Amino acid sequence: MAGGSAIRGSRVGAGPMGEAERGEAIARFRVSYWCLNGHETKPSFAEDGTVVVPDEWDCPRCGFPAGRDKNNPPSPIKNEPYKTHLAYVKERRTEAEAKKRFWKQRSKNFAETTKTKESEQQRVTQKSRLLCSLGGIEQSDIRAQRAPRYRRALAPSQAFQNHNSCL
């Protein structure tokens, strides 16, 4: 057997743990609480006169609220599930209002999209006219530059050769 200290788990100079180091203990009393499942819980409270004993206590076994009356324990709280934003909106509006707002917003978005497309077309047309007036570039050449890839487009050197020669 290996040699070792006779006092294991303590440090040098350690004395007995007792009332002298921790102070005097306050007198305590226990109160019984019962939940709906019949579990009994007995938490302890200090007898110093300042403690207010609660009417309900959470059961550590099942989590239901427990009361002091064994024959009439409190009923558990009904938790409502988390509601989404859509659920709150449906509470505020009827289906007819929702359809009305949907179509109003859709027509507004369509009008904005149409205006944006028209203004983009006007901007491109003005730019192409400006380039043509500066360098004698044909508008068909500029349109070919903007053409999608599936169409045959002119090479950049061909499209702008007139413009380069003007400089």
C-alpha atoms as a PDB file:
ATOM      1  CA  MET A   1       0.000   0.000   0.000  1.00  0.00           C
ATOM      2  CA  ALA A   2       1.319   3.409  -0.901  1.00  0.00           C
ATOM      3  CA  GLY A   3       2.045   5.837   1.871  1.00  0.00           C
ATOM      4  CA  GLY A   4      -0.109   8.906   2.079  1.00  0.00           C
ATOM      5  CA  SER A   5      -1.568  11.486   4.307  1.00  0.00           C
ATOM      6  CA  ALA A   6      -3.979  10.300   6.917  1.00  0.00           C
ATOM      7  CA  ILE A   7      -6.128  13.388   6.350  1.00  0.00           C
ATOM      8  CA  ARG A   8      -7.120  13.306   2.731  1.00  0.00           C
ATOM      9  CA  GLY A   9      -8.963  16.096   0.993  1.00  0.00           C
ATOM     10  CA  SER A  10      -8.034  18.841   3.448  1.00  0.00           C
ATOM     11  CA  ARG A  11      -5.343  21.484   3.400  1.00  0.00           C
ATOM     12  CA  VAL A  12      -2.800  22.431   6.009  1.00  0.00           C
ATOM     13  CA  GLY A  13      -4.277  24.650   8.671  1.00  0.00           C
ATOM     14  CA  ALA A  14      -7.834  23.656   7.959  1.00  0.00           C
ATOM     15  CA  GLY A  15      -9.971  23.394  11.038  1.00  0.00           C
ATOM     16  CA  PRO A  16     -13.434  22.044  11.658  1.00  0.00           C
ATOM     17  CA  MET A  17     -16.269  23.701   9.801  1.00  0.00           C
ATOM     18  CA  GLY A  18     -18.939  24.777  12.168  1.00  0.00           C
ATOM     19  CA  GLU A  19     -21.003  27.587  13.575  1.00  0.00           C
ATOM     20  CA  ALA A  20     -17.988  29.700  14.508  1.00  0.00           C
ATOM     21  CA  GLU A  21     -16.915  30.225  10.878  1.00  0.00           C
ATOM     22  CA  ARG A  22     -20.333  30.459   9.207  1.00  0.00           C
ATOM     23  CA  GLY A  23     -22.257  32.336  11.868  1.00  0.00           C
ATOM     24  CA  GLU A  24     -25.399  31.370  13.709  1.00  0.00           C
ATOM     25  CA  ALA A  25     -28.164  29.641  11.766  1.00  0.00           C
ATOM     26  CA  ILE A  26     -31.564  31.360  11.643  1.00  0.00           C
ATOM     27  CA  ALA A  27     -34.565  29.341  12.712  1.00  0.00           C
ATOM     28  CA  ARG A  28     -36.561  28.016   9.757  1.00  0.00           C
ATOM     29  CA  PHE A  29     -40.033  26.630   9.129  1.00  0.00           C
ATOM     30  CA  ARG A  30     -41.435  24.536   6.266  1.00  0.00           C
ATOM     31  CA  VAL A  31     -44.655  25.076   4.298  1.00  0.00           C
ATOM     32  CA  SER A  32     -46.345  22.325   2.279  1.00  0.00           C
ATOM     33  CA  TYR A  33     -47.571  22.988  -1.265  1.00  0.00           C
ATOM     34  CA  TRP A  34     -49.527  20.539  -3.463  1.00  0.00           C
ATOM     35  CA  CYS A  35     -49.863  20.603  -7.253  1.00  0.00           C
ATOM     36  CA  LEU A  36     -52.659  19.214  -9.456  1.00  0.00           C
ATOM     37  CA  ASN A  37     -50.750  15.915  -9.864  1.00  0.00           C
ATOM     38  CA  GLY A  38     -50.637  15.404  -6.071  1.00  0.00           C
ATOM     39  CA  HIS A  39     -46.911  16.165  -5.645  1.00  0.00           C
ATOM     40  CA  GLU A  40     -45.985  17.714  -2.310  1.00  0.00           C
ATOM     41  CA  THR A  41     -43.240  20.336  -2.073  1.00  0.00           C
ATOM     42  CA  LYS A  42     -41.883  21.657   1.244  1.00  0.00           C
ATOM     43  CA  PRO A  43     -39.680  24.737   0.835  1.00  0.00           C
ATOM     44  CA  SER A  44     -38.212  26.248   3.985  1.00  0.00           C
ATOM     45  CA  PHE A  45     -38.480  29.904   5.010  1.00  0.00           C
ATOM     46  CA  ALA A  46     -36.693  31.965   7.666  1.00  0.00           C
ATOM     47  CA  GLU A  47     -38.570  32.751  10.894  1.00  0.00           C
ATOM     48  CA  ASP A  48     -37.270  36.296  11.217  1.00  0.00           C
ATOM     49  CA  GLY A  49     -40.702  37.844  10.644  1.00  0.00           C
ATOM     50  CA  THR A  50     -39.844  39.690   7.424  1.00  0.00           C
ATOM     51  CA  VAL A  51     -40.525  36.787   5.081  1.00  0.00           C
ATOM     52  CA  VAL A  52     -43.848  36.746   3.244  1.00  0.00           C
ATOM     53  CA  VAL A  53     -44.865  33.189   2.376  1.00  0.00           C
ATOM     54  CA  PRO A  54     -46.216  33.011  -1.209  1.00  0.00           C
ATOM     55  CA  ASP A  55     -49.645  31.543  -1.942  1.00  0.00           C
ATOM     56  CA  GLU A  56     -48.324  29.497  -4.888  1.00  0.00           C
ATOM     57  CA  TRP A  57     -45.068  27.651  -5.537  1.00  0.00           C
ATOM     58  CA  ASP A  58     -43.857  25.904  -8.714  1.00  0.00           C
ATOM     59  CA  CYS A  59     -43.734  22.122  -8.405  1.00  0.00           C
ATOM     60  CA  PRO A  60     -40.137  20.929  -9.022  1.00  0.00           C
ATOM     61  CA  ARG A  61     -41.367  17.596 -10.454  1.00  0.00           C
ATOM     62  CA  CYS A  62     -43.964  18.620 -13.056  1.00  0.00           C
ATOM     63  CA  GLY A  63     -43.718  22.431 -13.232  1.00  0.00           C
ATOM     64  CA  PHE A  64     -47.404  23.002 -12.436  1.00  0.00           C
ATOM     65  CA  PRO A  65     -48.296  25.663  -9.867  1.00  0.00           C
ATOM     66  CA  ALA A  66     -48.782  24.290  -6.349  1.00  0.00           C
ATOM     67  CA  GLY A  67     -50.978  25.759  -3.610  1.00  0.00           C
ATOM     68  CA  ARG A  68     -51.300  25.317   0.138  1.00  0.00           C
ATOM     69  CA  ASP A  69     -54.731  23.665  -0.058  1.00  0.00           C
ATOM     70  CA  LYS A  70     -54.252  19.939  -0.709  1.00  0.00           C
ATOM     71  CA  ASN A  71     -57.878  19.390  -1.744  1.00  0.00           C
ATOM     72  CA  ASN A  72     -58.027  22.367  -4.112  1.00  0.00           C
ATOM     73  CA  PRO A  73     -54.680  22.871  -5.946  1.00  0.00           C
ATOM     74  CA  PRO A  74     -54.435  25.658  -8.548  1.00  0.00           C
ATOM     75  CA  SER A  75     -54.992  24.746 -12.175  1.00  0.00           C
ATOM     76  CA  PRO A  76     -52.093  25.021 -14.618  1.00  0.00           C
ATOM     77  CA  ILE A  77     -51.723  28.158 -16.718  1.00  0.00           C
ATOM     78  CA  LYS A  78     -52.798  27.731 -20.313  1.00  0.00           C
ATOM     79  CA  ASN A  79     -49.990  28.820 -22.625  1.00  0.00           C
ATOM     80  CA  GLU A  80     -50.949  30.246 -25.994  1.00  0.00           C
ATOM     81  CA  PRO A  81     -48.670  29.284 -28.860  1.00  0.00           C
ATOM     82  CA  TYR A  82     -46.464  31.886 -30.525  1.00  0.00           C
ATOM     83  CA  LYS A  83     -48.368  33.902 -33.113  1.00  0.00           C
ATOM     84  CA  THR A  84     -46.833  34.887 -36.401  1.00  0.00           C
ATOM     85  CA  HIS A  85     -47.150  38.324 -37.947  1.00  0.00           C
ATOM     86  CA  LEU A  86     -49.691  36.923 -40.395  1.00  0.00           C
ATOM     87  CA  ALA A  87     -51.890  35.676 -37.520  1.00  0.00           C
ATOM     88  CA  TYR A  88     -51.982  39.162 -35.990  1.00  0.00           C
ATOM     89  CA  VAL A  89     -52.809  40.710 -39.382  1.00  0.00           C
ATOM     90  CA  LYS A  90     -55.651  38.219 -39.876  1.00  0.00           C
ATOM     91  CA  GLU A  91     -57.061  39.235 -36.482  1.00  0.00           C
ATOM     92  CA  ARG A  92     -57.143  42.900 -37.508  1.00  0.00           C
ATOM     93  CA  ARG A  93     -58.524  42.568 -41.054  1.00  0.00           C
ATOM     94  CA  THR A  94     -61.321  40.706 -42.752  1.00  0.00           C
ATOM     95  CA  GLU A  95     -60.660  38.786 -45.928  1.00  0.00           C
ATOM     96  CA  ALA A  96     -62.474  41.429 -47.999  1.00  0.00           C
ATOM     97  CA  GLU A  97     -60.221  44.171 -46.614  1.00  0.00           C
ATOM     98  CA  ALA A  98     -57.147  42.085 -47.312  1.00  0.00           C
ATOM     99  CA  LYS A  99     -58.160  41.555 -50.949  1.00  0.00           C
ATOM    100  CA  LYS A 100     -58.913  45.243 -51.368  1.00  0.00           C
ATOM    101  CA  ARG A 101     -55.497  46.246 -49.971  1.00  0.00           C
ATOM    102  CA  PHE A 102     -53.749  43.588 -52.057  1.00  0.00           C
ATOM    103  CA  TRP A 103     -55.240  44.787 -55.348  1.00  0.00           C
ATOM    104  CA  LYS A 104     -54.641  48.429 -54.471  1.00  0.00           C
ATOM    105  CA  GLN A 105     -50.961  47.756 -53.721  1.00  0.00           C
ATOM    106  CA  ARG A 106     -50.590  45.565 -56.785  1.00  0.00           C
ATOM    107  CA  SER A 107     -51.958  48.279 -59.084  1.00  0.00           C
ATOM    108  CA  LYS A 108     -49.681  50.832 -57.411  1.00  0.00           C
ATOM    109  CA  ASN A 109     -46.624  48.593 -57.934  1.00  0.00           C
ATOM    110  CA  PHE A 110     -47.613  47.980 -61.556  1.00  0.00           C
ATOM    111  CA  ALA A 111     -47.910  51.726 -62.183  1.00  0.00           C
ATOM    112  CA  GLU A 112     -44.485  52.365 -60.620  1.00  0.00           C
ATOM    113  CA  THR A 113     -42.897  49.558 -62.655  1.00  0.00           C
ATOM    114  CA  THR A 114     -44.437  50.887 -65.867  1.00  0.00           C
ATOM    115  CA  LYS A 115     -43.183  54.419 -65.133  1.00  0.00           C
ATOM    116  CA  THR A 116     -39.702  53.069 -64.420  1.00  0.00           C
ATOM    117  CA  LYS A 117     -39.615  51.113 -67.685  1.00  0.00           C
ATOM    118  CA  GLU A 118     -40.867  54.109 -69.671  1.00  0.00           C
ATOM    119  CA  SER A 119     -38.323  56.461 -68.104  1.00  0.00           C
ATOM    120  CA  GLU A 120     -35.527  53.931 -68.799  1.00  0.00           C
ATOM    121  CA  GLN A 121     -36.596  53.701 -72.442  1.00  0.00           C
ATOM    122  CA  GLN A 122     -36.685  57.498 -72.724  1.00  0.00           C
ATOM    123  CA  ARG A 123     -33.216  57.773 -71.170  1.00  0.00           C
ATOM    124  CA  VAL A 124     -31.748  55.213 -73.574  1.00  0.00           C
ATOM    125  CA  THR A 125     -33.396  56.903 -76.544  1.00  0.00           C
ATOM    126  CA  GLN A 126     -32.026  60.316 -75.520  1.00  0.00           C
ATOM    127  CA  LYS A 127     -28.540  58.843 -75.056  1.00  0.00           C
ATOM    128  CA  SER A 128     -28.601  57.190 -78.476  1.00  0.00           C
ATOM    129  CA  ARG A 129     -29.763  60.433 -80.130  1.00  0.00           C
ATOM    130  CA  LEU A 130     -26.967  62.338 -78.421  1.00  0.00           C
ATOM    131  CA  LEU A 131     -24.336  59.843 -79.572  1.00  0.00           C
ATOM    132  CA  CYS A 132     -25.678  59.956 -83.120  1.00  0.00           C
ATOM    133  CA  SER A 133     -25.620  63.728 -83.211  1.00  0.00           C
ATOM    134  CA  LEU A 134     -22.033  63.827 -81.906  1.00  0.00           C
ATOM    135  CA  GLY A 135     -20.398  61.315 -84.138  1.00  0.00           C
ATOM    136  CA  GLY A 136     -22.716  60.337 -86.915  1.00  0.00           C
ATOM    137  CA  ILE A 137     -23.359  56.889 -85.450  1.00  0.00           C
ATOM    138  CA  GLU A 138     -26.346  55.115 -86.923  1.00  0.00           C
ATOM    139  CA  GLN A 139     -29.137  54.349 -84.473  1.00  0.00           C
ATOM    140  CA  SER A 140     -29.324  50.828 -85.835  1.00  0.00           C
ATOM    141  CA  ASP A 141     -25.704  50.325 -84.700  1.00  0.00           C
ATOM    142  CA  ILE A 142     -26.570  51.465 -81.168  1.00  0.00           C
ATOM    143  CA  ARG A 143     -29.601  49.199 -81.069  1.00  0.00           C
ATOM    144  CA  ALA A 144     -27.392  46.319 -82.154  1.00  0.00           C
ATOM    145  CA  GLN A 145     -25.095  47.052 -79.207  1.00  0.00           C
ATOM    146  CA  ARG A 146     -28.051  46.792 -76.812  1.00  0.00           C
ATOM    147  CA  ALA A 147     -29.429  43.662 -78.478  1.00  0.00           C
ATOM    148  CA  PRO A 148     -29.618  40.470 -76.432  1.00  0.00           C
ATOM    149  CA  ARG A 149     -26.960  37.813 -76.966  1.00  0.00           C
ATOM    150  CA  TYR A 150     -29.218  35.559 -78.978  1.00  0.00           C
ATOM    151  CA  ARG A 151     -29.394  38.227 -81.686  1.00  0.00           C
ATOM    152  CA  ARG A 152     -26.483  39.022 -83.918  1.00  0.00           C
ATOM    153  CA  ALA A 153     -24.872  42.190 -82.634  1.00  0.00           C
ATOM    154  CA  LEU A 154     -22.202  44.260 -84.315  1.00  0.00           C
ATOM    155  CA  ALA A 155     -18.709  44.172 -82.918  1.00  0.00           C
ATOM    156  CA  PRO A 156     -17.781  47.298 -80.924  1.00  0.00           C
ATOM    157  CA  SER A 157     -15.201  48.295 -83.525  1.00  0.00           C
ATOM    158  CA  GLN A 158     -17.860  48.213 -86.274  1.00  0.00           C
ATOM    159  CA  ALA A 159     -20.524  50.022 -84.268  1.00  0.00           C
ATOM    160  CA  PHE A 160     -18.353  52.932 -83.273  1.00  0.00           C
ATOM    161  CA  GLN A 161     -15.984  53.243 -86.253  1.00  0.00           C
ATOM    162  CA  ASN A 162     -17.848  56.309 -87.532  1.00  0.00           C
ATOM    163  CA  HIS A 163     -17.659  57.904 -84.101  1.00  0.00           C
ATOM    164  CA  ASN A 164     -13.914  57.233 -83.784  1.00  0.00           C
ATOM    165  CA  SER A 165     -13.214  58.706 -87.175  1.00  0.00           C
ATOM    166  CA  CYS A 166     -14.935  61.951 -86.171  1.00  0.00           C
ATOM    167  CA  LEU A 167     -12.518  62.575 -83.322  1.00  0.00           C
END
